[in-house]
Structure formats: C-alpha cells, structure tokens
Amino acid sequence: YEIMPSLVGSEMCIRDSHYPSIPEEELAPGAFSHLVAGEQAVVSLLTMKAGTYFPVHQHEAEQIMIVLDGFIEQIIDGKLYPARKGDVLVLPSNIPHGGYVREETTVVDVFAPSRADLAEKAAAARERM
C-alpha cells in the first residue's frame, strides 16, 4: 500500500491498486469488469462485447453509468435509451433496467450504496491479485 496526501483536507488516502491489475470478473456473458469496492460505493470499469445482453433487473443502489466508448441500448423502466461515447445515465434506486450492447462498449458504473453482490466479487478478485 502507498499512502499519499489526500486531495482534500489533511486526511491521508490509501492507493492500493492500479485498476488494470485488478482481475476481471464476468458480470454477464461477454461483460468483464474490474471492480473496486469501498464501504459506501462500488465502481465497475466494465468492457462489454457486441451482442452482450443484461436482462431487466433492479437493485437498491442508484447507478451512474458513464459511457467511455461504444454503443449500448439501455432499457430503463420499459423505454429504450441509446447511449454512446460521452453519455451519462443516472438510474434511480430500484428502477427496472437492462441493456443490449450493439458494439464493443466500455463504461464506468458507480453504485451507491454499495451492492453486496458486486462487493463480494470485488473481494474475490482482490484475493487473486
């Protein structure tokens, strides 16, 4: 672990990984994520192959998706929303959603509060480091 000065205040922060070194977890067939979990949130650096499908689901956590590259059609509360590079989607807690990946797509997903299922996968990945 490397302790670095915090960017805010006088507290110190701990930098304990370089995200490419975090083993990927498969979240759905064709969808691979580097997961980082804190006490209050989970971040997913997710790459999805064209043709990947996420069935409609919902979770307590609010989800913020930032599309870094590619094209995904998100199904949100029964409506279709195309999302491309640069788009940001904010999904409220418990809203039904899913998606069809139309071309290879990379996103950053932030979940708060932390999702226990993803936090467990993040812990499993860290153990393999």
C-alpha atoms as a PDB file:
ATOM      1  CA  TYR A   1       0.000   0.000   0.000  1.00  0.00           C
ATOM      2  CA  GLU A   2       1.147   3.504  -0.758  1.00  0.00           C
ATOM      3  CA  ILE A   3      -0.041   6.341   1.456  1.00  0.00           C
ATOM      4  CA  MET A   4      -0.438   9.610  -0.402  1.00  0.00           C
ATOM      5  CA  PRO A   5      -1.545  13.084   0.666  1.00  0.00           C
ATOM      6  CA  SER A   6      -5.275  13.499   0.199  1.00  0.00           C
ATOM      7  CA  LEU A   7      -6.551  15.925  -2.390  1.00  0.00           C
ATOM      8  CA  VAL A   8      -8.840  17.470   0.228  1.00  0.00           C
ATOM      9  CA  GLY A   9      -8.213  18.296   3.873  1.00  0.00           C
ATOM     10  CA  SER A  10      -5.426  16.883   5.968  1.00  0.00           C
ATOM     11  CA  GLU A  11      -6.514  13.236   5.879  1.00  0.00           C
ATOM     12  CA  MET A  12      -4.434  10.627   4.104  1.00  0.00           C
ATOM     13  CA  CYS A  13      -5.769   8.263   1.461  1.00  0.00           C
ATOM     14  CA  ILE A  14      -4.612   4.765   0.596  1.00  0.00           C
ATOM     15  CA  ARG A  15      -3.836   3.849  -3.004  1.00  0.00           C
ATOM     16  CA  ASP A  16      -3.893   0.110  -3.101  1.00  0.00           C
ATOM     17  CA  SER A  17      -4.296  -0.842  -6.754  1.00  0.00           C
ATOM     18  CA  HIS A  18      -3.790   0.092 -10.358  1.00  0.00           C
ATOM     19  CA  TYR A  19      -7.110  -0.858 -11.961  1.00  0.00           C
ATOM     20  CA  PRO A  20      -5.689  -2.908 -14.875  1.00  0.00           C
ATOM     21  CA  SER A  21      -4.012  -5.159 -12.295  1.00  0.00           C
ATOM     22  CA  ILE A  22      -7.371  -5.984 -10.667  1.00  0.00           C
ATOM     23  CA  PRO A  23      -8.533  -9.351 -12.081  1.00  0.00           C
ATOM     24  CA  GLU A  24     -11.673  -9.096 -14.170  1.00  0.00           C
ATOM     25  CA  GLU A  25     -14.965 -10.575 -13.043  1.00  0.00           C
ATOM     26  CA  GLU A  26     -17.539 -11.725 -15.602  1.00  0.00           C
ATOM     27  CA  LEU A  27     -20.813  -9.977 -14.733  1.00  0.00           C
ATOM     28  CA  ALA A  28     -22.755 -11.428 -17.670  1.00  0.00           C
ATOM     29  CA  PRO A  29     -21.682 -13.483 -20.683  1.00  0.00           C
ATOM     30  CA  GLY A  30     -19.382 -11.146 -22.635  1.00  0.00           C
ATOM     31  CA  ALA A  31     -19.175  -8.490 -19.898  1.00  0.00           C
ATOM     32  CA  PHE A  32     -15.943  -8.227 -17.899  1.00  0.00           C
ATOM     33  CA  SER A  33     -15.330  -5.769 -15.086  1.00  0.00           C
ATOM     34  CA  HIS A  34     -12.528  -4.525 -12.884  1.00  0.00           C
ATOM     35  CA  LEU A  35     -14.438  -3.947  -9.620  1.00  0.00           C
ATOM     36  CA  VAL A  36     -13.398  -1.622  -6.808  1.00  0.00           C
ATOM     37  CA  ALA A  37     -15.453  -1.626  -3.615  1.00  0.00           C
ATOM     38  CA  GLY A  38     -15.433   0.864  -0.771  1.00  0.00           C
ATOM     39  CA  GLU A  39     -17.645   0.989   2.281  1.00  0.00           C
ATOM     40  CA  GLN A  40     -20.301   3.151   0.631  1.00  0.00           C
ATOM     41  CA  ALA A  41     -19.972   2.515  -3.115  1.00  0.00           C
ATOM     42  CA  VAL A  42     -18.784   0.131  -5.823  1.00  0.00           C
ATOM     43  CA  VAL A  43     -17.149   1.213  -9.083  1.00  0.00           C
ATOM     44  CA  SER A  44     -17.199  -1.074 -12.115  1.00  0.00           C
ATOM     45  CA  LEU A  45     -14.830  -0.464 -15.037  1.00  0.00           C
ATOM     46  CA  LEU A  46     -16.757  -2.615 -17.490  1.00  0.00           C
ATOM     47  CA  THR A  47     -15.980  -3.776 -21.035  1.00  0.00           C
ATOM     48  CA  MET A  48     -18.796  -5.499 -22.927  1.00  0.00           C
ATOM     49  CA  LYS A  49     -18.591  -7.366 -26.226  1.00  0.00           C
ATOM     50  CA  ALA A  50     -21.076  -6.671 -29.007  1.00  0.00           C
ATOM     51  CA  GLY A  51     -24.126  -8.875 -28.510  1.00  0.00           C
ATOM     52  CA  THR A  52     -23.926  -8.883 -24.713  1.00  0.00           C
ATOM     53  CA  TYR A  53     -27.334  -8.702 -23.046  1.00  0.00           C
ATOM     54  CA  PHE A  54     -28.204  -7.681 -19.498  1.00  0.00           C
ATOM     55  CA  PRO A  55     -31.685  -8.919 -18.573  1.00  0.00           C
ATOM     56  CA  VAL A  56     -34.007  -6.384 -16.980  1.00  0.00           C
ATOM     57  CA  HIS A  57     -33.280  -6.246 -13.261  1.00  0.00           C
ATOM     58  CA  GLN A  58     -33.302  -3.766 -10.403  1.00  0.00           C
ATOM     59  CA  HIS A  59     -31.297  -3.080  -7.252  1.00  0.00           C
ATOM     60  CA  GLU A  60     -31.396  -0.763  -4.281  1.00  0.00           C
ATOM     61  CA  ALA A  61     -28.277   1.114  -5.376  1.00  0.00           C
ATOM     62  CA  GLU A  62     -28.502   4.216  -7.503  1.00  0.00           C
ATOM     63  CA  GLN A  63     -26.396   3.640 -10.635  1.00  0.00           C
ATOM     64  CA  ILE A  64     -24.477   6.231 -12.611  1.00  0.00           C
ATOM     65  CA  MET A  65     -23.180   4.982 -15.965  1.00  0.00           C
ATOM     66  CA  ILE A  66     -20.575   6.901 -17.969  1.00  0.00           C
ATOM     67  CA  VAL A  67     -20.108   5.569 -21.500  1.00  0.00           C
ATOM     68  CA  LEU A  68     -16.418   5.843 -22.398  1.00  0.00           C
ATOM     69  CA  ASP A  69     -16.669   4.140 -25.784  1.00  0.00           C
ATOM     70  CA  GLY A  70     -19.140   2.153 -27.873  1.00  0.00           C
ATOM     71  CA  PHE A  71     -22.912   1.896 -28.110  1.00  0.00           C
ATOM     72  CA  ILE A  72     -25.414   0.280 -25.733  1.00  0.00           C
ATOM     73  CA  GLU A  73     -29.192   0.431 -25.776  1.00  0.00           C
ATOM     74  CA  GLN A  74     -30.428   0.696 -22.218  1.00  0.00           C
ATOM     75  CA  ILE A  75     -33.909  -0.458 -21.311  1.00  0.00           C
ATOM     76  CA  ILE A  76     -34.998   1.778 -18.445  1.00  0.00           C
ATOM     77  CA  ASP A  77     -38.457   1.453 -16.936  1.00  0.00           C
ATOM     78  CA  GLY A  78     -39.731  -0.133 -20.168  1.00  0.00           C
ATOM     79  CA  LYS A  79     -38.277   2.516 -22.531  1.00  0.00           C
ATOM     80  CA  LEU A  80     -35.255   2.220 -24.826  1.00  0.00           C
ATOM     81  CA  TYR A  81     -32.433   4.748 -24.443  1.00  0.00           C
ATOM     82  CA  PRO A  82     -29.454   4.655 -26.830  1.00  0.00           C
ATOM     83  CA  ALA A  83     -26.197   5.511 -25.038  1.00  0.00           C
ATOM     84  CA  ARG A  84     -22.971   6.317 -26.869  1.00  0.00           C
ATOM     85  CA  LYS A  85     -19.498   7.613 -26.034  1.00  0.00           C
ATOM     86  CA  GLY A  86     -19.779  10.590 -23.696  1.00  0.00           C
ATOM     87  CA  ASP A  87     -23.312   9.873 -22.486  1.00  0.00           C
ATOM     88  CA  VAL A  88     -24.077   9.723 -18.768  1.00  0.00           C
ATOM     89  CA  LEU A  89     -27.113   7.876 -17.401  1.00  0.00           C
ATOM     90  CA  VAL A  90     -28.378   8.225 -13.831  1.00  0.00           C
ATOM     91  CA  LEU A  91     -30.603   5.324 -12.785  1.00  0.00           C
ATOM     92  CA  PRO A  92     -32.566   5.845  -9.578  1.00  0.00           C
ATOM     93  CA  SER A  93     -32.763   3.181  -6.907  1.00  0.00           C
ATOM     94  CA  ASN A  94     -34.954   0.173  -7.793  1.00  0.00           C
ATOM     95  CA  ILE A  95     -35.763   1.261 -11.361  1.00  0.00           C
ATOM     96  CA  PRO A  96     -36.096  -1.734 -13.710  1.00  0.00           C
ATOM     97  CA  HIS A  97     -33.322  -1.656 -16.313  1.00  0.00           C
ATOM     98  CA  GLY A  98     -31.253  -3.823 -18.651  1.00  0.00           C
ATOM     99  CA  GLY A  99     -29.368  -3.438 -21.886  1.00  0.00           C
ATOM    100  CA  TYR A 100     -28.315  -4.646 -25.325  1.00  0.00           C
ATOM    101  CA  VAL A 101     -24.707  -3.990 -26.320  1.00  0.00           C
ATOM    102  CA  ARG A 102     -24.657  -3.120 -30.035  1.00  0.00           C
ATOM    103  CA  GLU A 103     -20.875  -2.714 -30.395  1.00  0.00           C
ATOM    104  CA  GLU A 104     -17.974  -3.259 -28.026  1.00  0.00           C
ATOM    105  CA  THR A 105     -18.610  -0.812 -25.219  1.00  0.00           C
ATOM    106  CA  THR A 106     -16.656   0.409 -22.212  1.00  0.00           C
ATOM    107  CA  VAL A 107     -18.384   2.113 -19.298  1.00  0.00           C
ATOM    108  CA  VAL A 108     -17.739   3.210 -15.758  1.00  0.00           C
ATOM    109  CA  ASP A 109     -20.621   2.296 -13.448  1.00  0.00           C
ATOM    110  CA  VAL A 110     -20.862   3.754  -9.951  1.00  0.00           C
ATOM    111  CA  PHE A 111     -23.250   2.108  -7.480  1.00  0.00           C
ATOM    112  CA  ALA A 112     -24.230   3.717  -4.179  1.00  0.00           C
ATOM    113  CA  PRO A 113     -24.915   2.444  -1.657  1.00  0.00           C
ATOM    114  CA  SER A 114     -22.542  -0.437  -2.247  1.00  0.00           C
ATOM    115  CA  ARG A 115     -24.065  -3.543  -3.847  1.00  0.00           C
ATOM    116  CA  ALA A 116     -23.228  -6.602  -1.737  1.00  0.00           C
ATOM    117  CA  ASP A 117     -23.072  -8.916  -4.785  1.00  0.00           C
ATOM    118  CA  LEU A 118     -20.524  -6.716  -6.544  1.00  0.00           C
ATOM    119  CA  ALA A 119     -18.565  -6.059  -3.332  1.00  0.00           C
ATOM    120  CA  GLU A 120     -18.206  -9.836  -2.901  1.00  0.00           C
ATOM    121  CA  LYS A 121     -16.946 -10.201  -6.480  1.00  0.00           C
ATOM    122  CA  ALA A 122     -14.505  -7.327  -5.881  1.00  0.00           C
ATOM    123  CA  ALA A 123     -13.191  -9.068  -2.756  1.00  0.00           C
ATOM    124  CA  ALA A 124     -12.788 -12.337  -4.660  1.00  0.00           C
ATOM    125  CA  ALA A 125     -10.832 -10.535  -7.395  1.00  0.00           C
ATOM    126  CA  ARG A 126      -8.558  -8.878  -4.826  1.00  0.00           C
ATOM    127  CA  GLU A 127      -7.762 -12.261  -3.319  1.00  0.00           C
ATOM    128  CA  ARG A 128      -6.471 -13.368  -6.741  1.00  0.00           C
ATOM    129  CA  MET A 129      -4.103 -10.386  -7.007  1.00  0.00           C
END
